[in-house]
Amino acid sequence: MVTQIRRNFQITLPASIRKRLGLNIGDLVETTVKEGKIILIPKKTIDAEQSWFWTKEWQEAEKEADSDLKSGKVKKFKSVEDLIKNLDK
């Protein structure tokens, strides 16, 4: 697609691209130049208080937990007491 550089050097991203990438007003986009091309990379900000969740270690543990859930390697208990009894086995 071709778009025009407008006043203040602004461009409009076509709606089909915005929808495909889930971009909204106020979203951040990283800009870089590589081999004579302008590259736009959508970026999401993470609240500092939630950054632990996005660490490599935590994400690996999330994947493992998801895998355990899908494969049925989990048990449900009606009470904490039932859980503790199961741990004592």
C-alpha atoms as a PDB file:
ATOM      1  CA  MET A   1       0.000   0.000   0.000  1.00  0.00           C
ATOM      2  CA  VAL A   2       1.089   3.521  -0.673  1.00  0.00           C
ATOM      3  CA  THR A   3       0.446   6.342   1.773  1.00  0.00           C
ATOM      4  CA  GLN A   4       1.353  10.015   1.582  1.00  0.00           C
ATOM      5  CA  ILE A   5       3.584  12.026   3.893  1.00  0.00           C
ATOM      6  CA  ARG A   6       1.460  14.926   5.102  1.00  0.00           C
ATOM      7  CA  ARG A   7       2.059  18.184   6.938  1.00  0.00           C
ATOM      8  CA  ASN A   8       4.395  17.778   9.920  1.00  0.00           C
ATOM      9  CA  PHE A   9       5.715  14.617   8.194  1.00  0.00           C
ATOM     10  CA  GLN A  10       2.797  12.513   9.439  1.00  0.00           C
ATOM     11  CA  ILE A  11       1.480   9.423   7.700  1.00  0.00           C
ATOM     12  CA  THR A  12      -1.779   7.528   8.109  1.00  0.00           C
ATOM     13  CA  LEU A  13      -1.632   3.773   8.465  1.00  0.00           C
ATOM     14  CA  PRO A  14      -4.304   2.133   6.322  1.00  0.00           C
ATOM     15  CA  ALA A  15      -7.252   0.682   8.250  1.00  0.00           C
ATOM     16  CA  SER A  16      -6.526  -2.854   7.036  1.00  0.00           C
ATOM     17  CA  ILE A  17      -3.037  -2.709   8.573  1.00  0.00           C
ATOM     18  CA  ARG A  18      -4.286  -1.157  11.827  1.00  0.00           C
ATOM     19  CA  LYS A  19      -6.931  -3.873  12.180  1.00  0.00           C
ATOM     20  CA  ARG A  20      -4.534  -6.681  11.280  1.00  0.00           C
ATOM     21  CA  LEU A  21      -2.083  -5.554  13.970  1.00  0.00           C
ATOM     22  CA  GLY A  22      -4.710  -4.471  16.506  1.00  0.00           C
ATOM     23  CA  LEU A  23      -3.381  -0.909  16.626  1.00  0.00           C
ATOM     24  CA  ASN A  24      -5.353   1.816  18.372  1.00  0.00           C
ATOM     25  CA  ILE A  25      -4.977   5.550  18.912  1.00  0.00           C
ATOM     26  CA  GLY A  26      -2.224   6.150  21.455  1.00  0.00           C
ATOM     27  CA  ASP A  27      -0.372   2.873  20.816  1.00  0.00           C
ATOM     28  CA  LEU A  28       3.396   3.049  20.575  1.00  0.00           C
ATOM     29  CA  VAL A  29       5.346   2.175  17.430  1.00  0.00           C
ATOM     30  CA  GLU A  30       9.118   1.779  17.261  1.00  0.00           C
ATOM     31  CA  THR A  31      10.665   3.158  14.096  1.00  0.00           C
ATOM     32  CA  THR A  32      13.919   1.974  12.584  1.00  0.00           C
ATOM     33  CA  VAL A  33      15.637   2.222   9.218  1.00  0.00           C
ATOM     34  CA  LYS A  34      17.125  -0.901   7.653  1.00  0.00           C
ATOM     35  CA  GLU A  35      18.529  -1.186   4.157  1.00  0.00           C
ATOM     36  CA  GLY A  36      16.778   2.007   3.069  1.00  0.00           C
ATOM     37  CA  LYS A  37      13.386   0.939   4.446  1.00  0.00           C
ATOM     38  CA  ILE A  38      11.363   2.394   7.306  1.00  0.00           C
ATOM     39  CA  ILE A  39      10.268  -0.338   9.684  1.00  0.00           C
ATOM     40  CA  LEU A  40       7.419   0.213  12.144  1.00  0.00           C
ATOM     41  CA  ILE A  41       7.203  -2.218  15.066  1.00  0.00           C
ATOM     42  CA  PRO A  42       4.174  -2.062  17.400  1.00  0.00           C
ATOM     43  CA  LYS A  43       5.196  -1.866  21.057  1.00  0.00           C
ATOM     44  CA  LYS A  44       3.186  -2.412  24.213  1.00  0.00           C
ATOM     45  CA  THR A  45       4.129  -0.879  27.526  1.00  0.00           C
ATOM     46  CA  ILE A  46       4.206  -2.920  30.708  1.00  0.00           C
ATOM     47  CA  ASP A  47       3.442  -1.431  34.102  1.00  0.00           C
ATOM     48  CA  ALA A  48       6.574  -1.688  36.272  1.00  0.00           C
ATOM     49  CA  GLU A  49       4.573  -3.468  38.983  1.00  0.00           C
ATOM     50  CA  GLN A  50       3.706  -6.242  36.502  1.00  0.00           C
ATOM     51  CA  SER A  51       7.101  -6.613  34.829  1.00  0.00           C
ATOM     52  CA  TRP A  52       7.898  -9.775  36.865  1.00  0.00           C
ATOM     53  CA  PHE A  53       5.147 -11.594  34.956  1.00  0.00           C
ATOM     54  CA  TRP A  54       6.924 -11.034  31.639  1.00  0.00           C
ATOM     55  CA  THR A  55      10.345 -12.330  32.699  1.00  0.00           C
ATOM     56  CA  LYS A  56      11.673 -15.318  30.771  1.00  0.00           C
ATOM     57  CA  GLU A  57      11.544 -17.533  33.860  1.00  0.00           C
ATOM     58  CA  TRP A  58       7.946 -16.663  34.701  1.00  0.00           C
ATOM     59  CA  GLN A  59       6.768 -17.152  31.129  1.00  0.00           C
ATOM     60  CA  GLU A  60       8.447 -20.584  31.005  1.00  0.00           C
ATOM     61  CA  ALA A  61       6.608 -21.516  34.219  1.00  0.00           C
ATOM     62  CA  GLU A  62       3.321 -20.265  32.699  1.00  0.00           C
ATOM     63  CA  LYS A  63       3.876 -22.497  29.646  1.00  0.00           C
ATOM     64  CA  GLU A  64       4.589 -25.473  31.896  1.00  0.00           C
ATOM     65  CA  ALA A  65       1.436 -24.803  33.919  1.00  0.00           C
ATOM     66  CA  ASP A  66      -0.646 -24.518  30.734  1.00  0.00           C
ATOM     67  CA  SER A  67       0.810 -27.802  29.507  1.00  0.00           C
ATOM     68  CA  ASP A  68      -0.006 -29.508  32.815  1.00  0.00           C
ATOM     69  CA  LEU A  69      -3.580 -28.229  32.645  1.00  0.00           C
ATOM     70  CA  LYS A  70      -4.038 -29.460  29.070  1.00  0.00           C
ATOM     71  CA  SER A  71      -2.588 -32.889  29.816  1.00  0.00           C
ATOM     72  CA  GLY A  72      -4.637 -33.371  32.985  1.00  0.00           C
ATOM     73  CA  LYS A  73      -1.685 -33.365  35.393  1.00  0.00           C
ATOM     74  CA  VAL A  74      -3.696 -31.371  37.918  1.00  0.00           C
ATOM     75  CA  LYS A  75      -6.032 -32.255  40.751  1.00  0.00           C
ATOM     76  CA  LYS A  76      -8.946 -30.328  42.194  1.00  0.00           C
ATOM     77  CA  PHE A  77      -9.755 -30.337  45.873  1.00  0.00           C
ATOM     78  CA  LYS A  78     -12.926 -29.376  47.726  1.00  0.00           C
ATOM     79  CA  SER A  79     -11.010 -27.984  50.682  1.00  0.00           C
ATOM     80  CA  VAL A  80      -7.546 -27.092  51.929  1.00  0.00           C
ATOM     81  CA  GLU A  81      -7.732 -30.072  54.264  1.00  0.00           C
ATOM     82  CA  ASP A  82      -8.236 -32.432  51.293  1.00  0.00           C
ATOM     83  CA  LEU A  83      -5.236 -30.860  49.591  1.00  0.00           C
ATOM     84  CA  ILE A  84      -3.052 -31.339  52.651  1.00  0.00           C
ATOM     85  CA  LYS A  85      -4.169 -34.969  52.983  1.00  0.00           C
ATOM     86  CA  ASN A  86      -3.141 -35.552  49.379  1.00  0.00           C
ATOM     87  CA  LEU A  87       0.268 -33.933  49.982  1.00  0.00           C
ATOM     88  CA  ASP A  88       0.880 -36.237  52.958  1.00  0.00           C
ATOM     89  CA  LYS A  89       0.470 -39.371  50.774  1.00  0.00           C
END
